[in-house]
């Protein structure tokens, strides 16, 4: 199963509500991480997350859940593979002989 990322906009008025919302998000099965993105946005990442359960719990315990902004797969970026460096033996010999 692939990882998915869910972004939810929740009306939060204080830091206490923000911390509580993050605790609620992490408590749902399948969630690996939850973070506070911007003003009133929470991003949740994991596998097989039930976004209906997430929005229902946030609405019940925090307040009005304004929008479910996005539900999508996480694209894991792979670092580019570099080709092995070619060493010019003539250049290396000339460099060493000057020392």
C-alpha atoms as a PDB file:
ATOM      1  CA  UNK A   1       0.000   0.000   0.000  1.00  0.00           C
ATOM      2  CA  UNK A   2       1.267   3.459  -0.848  1.00  0.00           C
ATOM      3  CA  UNK A   3       1.580   6.428   1.463  1.00  0.00           C
ATOM      4  CA  UNK A   4      -0.984   9.160   1.211  1.00  0.00           C
ATOM      5  CA  UNK A   5      -1.082  12.754   2.345  1.00  0.00           C
ATOM      6  CA  UNK A   6      -4.202  14.508   3.583  1.00  0.00           C
ATOM      7  CA  UNK A   7      -4.449  18.262   4.181  1.00  0.00           C
ATOM      8  CA  UNK A   8      -7.325  19.557   6.316  1.00  0.00           C
ATOM      9  CA  UNK A   9      -8.270  23.122   7.210  1.00  0.00           C
ATOM     10  CA  UNK A  10      -9.551  23.384  10.781  1.00  0.00           C
ATOM     11  CA  UNK A  11     -10.622  26.515  12.631  1.00  0.00           C
ATOM     12  CA  UNK A  12      -8.282  26.728  15.623  1.00  0.00           C
ATOM     13  CA  UNK A  13      -8.047  29.755  17.847  1.00  0.00           C
ATOM     14  CA  UNK A  14      -5.205  28.857  20.206  1.00  0.00           C
ATOM     15  CA  UNK A  15      -2.003  26.845  20.515  1.00  0.00           C
ATOM     16  CA  UNK A  16      -3.790  24.449  22.836  1.00  0.00           C
ATOM     17  CA  UNK A  17      -6.316  23.580  20.117  1.00  0.00           C
ATOM     18  CA  UNK A  18      -3.488  23.143  17.607  1.00  0.00           C
ATOM     19  CA  UNK A  19      -1.687  20.642  19.855  1.00  0.00           C
ATOM     20  CA  UNK A  20      -4.945  18.832  20.525  1.00  0.00           C
ATOM     21  CA  UNK A  21      -5.707  18.593  16.795  1.00  0.00           C
ATOM     22  CA  UNK A  22      -2.277  17.097  16.115  1.00  0.00           C
ATOM     23  CA  UNK A  23      -2.783  14.541  18.910  1.00  0.00           C
ATOM     24  CA  UNK A  24      -6.141  13.553  17.431  1.00  0.00           C
ATOM     25  CA  UNK A  25      -4.636  13.179  13.964  1.00  0.00           C
ATOM     26  CA  UNK A  26      -1.800  10.962  15.203  1.00  0.00           C
ATOM     27  CA  UNK A  27      -4.201   8.742  17.154  1.00  0.00           C
ATOM     28  CA  UNK A  28      -5.947   7.517  13.972  1.00  0.00           C
ATOM     29  CA  UNK A  29      -4.780   4.153  12.667  1.00  0.00           C
ATOM     30  CA  UNK A  30      -2.350   4.271   9.758  1.00  0.00           C
ATOM     31  CA  UNK A  31      -1.048   7.772  10.502  1.00  0.00           C
ATOM     32  CA  UNK A  32       2.746   8.058  10.559  1.00  0.00           C
ATOM     33  CA  UNK A  33       3.080  11.818  10.982  1.00  0.00           C
ATOM     34  CA  UNK A  34       1.010  14.943  11.401  1.00  0.00           C
ATOM     35  CA  UNK A  35       2.227  18.503  11.115  1.00  0.00           C
ATOM     36  CA  UNK A  36       0.924  22.031  11.312  1.00  0.00           C
ATOM     37  CA  UNK A  37       1.574  23.463   7.841  1.00  0.00           C
ATOM     38  CA  UNK A  38       0.255  27.017   7.715  1.00  0.00           C
ATOM     39  CA  UNK A  39      -2.454  29.094   9.271  1.00  0.00           C
ATOM     40  CA  UNK A  40      -5.057  26.491  10.346  1.00  0.00           C
ATOM     41  CA  UNK A  41      -3.788  23.724   8.019  1.00  0.00           C
ATOM     42  CA  UNK A  42      -2.876  20.232   9.212  1.00  0.00           C
ATOM     43  CA  UNK A  43      -1.032  17.760   6.965  1.00  0.00           C
ATOM     44  CA  UNK A  44      -1.338  14.061   7.822  1.00  0.00           C
ATOM     45  CA  UNK A  45       0.826  11.379   6.204  1.00  0.00           C
ATOM     46  CA  UNK A  46       0.445   7.597   6.426  1.00  0.00           C
ATOM     47  CA  UNK A  47      -0.983   4.457   4.875  1.00  0.00           C
ATOM     48  CA  UNK A  48      -4.693   3.644   4.519  1.00  0.00           C
ATOM     49  CA  UNK A  49      -5.919   6.671   6.476  1.00  0.00           C
ATOM     50  CA  UNK A  50      -9.682   7.062   6.784  1.00  0.00           C
ATOM     51  CA  UNK A  51     -10.130  10.760   6.002  1.00  0.00           C
ATOM     52  CA  UNK A  52     -13.799  10.655   7.004  1.00  0.00           C
ATOM     53  CA  UNK A  53     -12.839   9.484  10.490  1.00  0.00           C
ATOM     54  CA  UNK A  54     -10.155  12.194  10.644  1.00  0.00           C
ATOM     55  CA  UNK A  55     -12.514  15.035   9.754  1.00  0.00           C
ATOM     56  CA  UNK A  56     -15.281  13.676  12.033  1.00  0.00           C
ATOM     57  CA  UNK A  57     -12.978  13.475  15.069  1.00  0.00           C
ATOM     58  CA  UNK A  58     -11.528  16.927  14.441  1.00  0.00           C
ATOM     59  CA  UNK A  59     -15.029  18.402  14.110  1.00  0.00           C
ATOM     60  CA  UNK A  60     -16.264  16.749  17.312  1.00  0.00           C
ATOM     61  CA  UNK A  61     -13.257  17.558  19.498  1.00  0.00           C
ATOM     62  CA  UNK A  62     -11.823  20.799  18.120  1.00  0.00           C
ATOM     63  CA  UNK A  63     -14.486  22.686  16.290  1.00  0.00           C
ATOM     64  CA  UNK A  64     -15.540  23.381  12.778  1.00  0.00           C
ATOM     65  CA  UNK A  65     -13.525  21.522  10.129  1.00  0.00           C
ATOM     66  CA  UNK A  66     -13.668  23.958   7.249  1.00  0.00           C
ATOM     67  CA  UNK A  67     -12.300  22.003   4.310  1.00  0.00           C
ATOM     68  CA  UNK A  68     -10.683  18.790   3.245  1.00  0.00           C
ATOM     69  CA  UNK A  69      -8.162  20.420   0.918  1.00  0.00           C
ATOM     70  CA  UNK A  70      -6.404  17.430  -0.593  1.00  0.00           C
ATOM     71  CA  UNK A  71      -6.154  13.665  -0.454  1.00  0.00           C
ATOM     72  CA  UNK A  72      -3.423  12.164  -2.568  1.00  0.00           C
ATOM     73  CA  UNK A  73      -0.469   9.858  -2.834  1.00  0.00           C
ATOM     74  CA  UNK A  74       2.930  10.924  -1.563  1.00  0.00           C
ATOM     75  CA  UNK A  75       5.555  11.001  -4.256  1.00  0.00           C
ATOM     76  CA  UNK A  76       8.833   9.960  -2.702  1.00  0.00           C
ATOM     77  CA  UNK A  77      11.708  11.735  -4.346  1.00  0.00           C
ATOM     78  CA  UNK A  78      14.765   9.671  -5.064  1.00  0.00           C
ATOM     79  CA  UNK A  79      18.139  11.372  -5.079  1.00  0.00           C
ATOM     80  CA  UNK A  80      19.685  11.559  -8.526  1.00  0.00           C
ATOM     81  CA  UNK A  81      22.280   8.907  -9.193  1.00  0.00           C
ATOM     82  CA  UNK A  82      25.617  10.326 -10.182  1.00  0.00           C
ATOM     83  CA  UNK A  83      27.814   8.578 -12.688  1.00  0.00           C
ATOM     84  CA  UNK A  84      31.191   7.493 -11.353  1.00  0.00           C
ATOM     85  CA  UNK A  85      33.798  10.156 -11.830  1.00  0.00           C
ATOM     86  CA  UNK A  86      36.342   9.490 -14.530  1.00  0.00           C
ATOM     87  CA  UNK A  87      39.922  10.289 -13.578  1.00  0.00           C
ATOM     88  CA  UNK A  88      42.295  11.204 -16.328  1.00  0.00           C
ATOM     89  CA  UNK A  89      45.474   9.230 -15.511  1.00  0.00           C
ATOM     90  CA  UNK A  90      47.694  11.662 -17.407  1.00  0.00           C
ATOM     91  CA  UNK A  91      46.326  14.626 -15.465  1.00  0.00           C
ATOM     92  CA  UNK A  92      46.741  12.718 -12.181  1.00  0.00           C
ATOM     93  CA  UNK A  93      50.357  11.771 -12.953  1.00  0.00           C
ATOM     94  CA  UNK A  94      51.247  15.336 -13.937  1.00  0.00           C
ATOM     95  CA  UNK A  95      49.649  16.699 -10.778  1.00  0.00           C
ATOM     96  CA  UNK A  96      51.554  14.258  -8.549  1.00  0.00           C
ATOM     97  CA  UNK A  97      54.877  14.806 -10.235  1.00  0.00           C
ATOM     98  CA  UNK A  98      54.722  18.584  -9.582  1.00  0.00           C
ATOM     99  CA  UNK A  99      54.658  18.061  -5.843  1.00  0.00           C
END
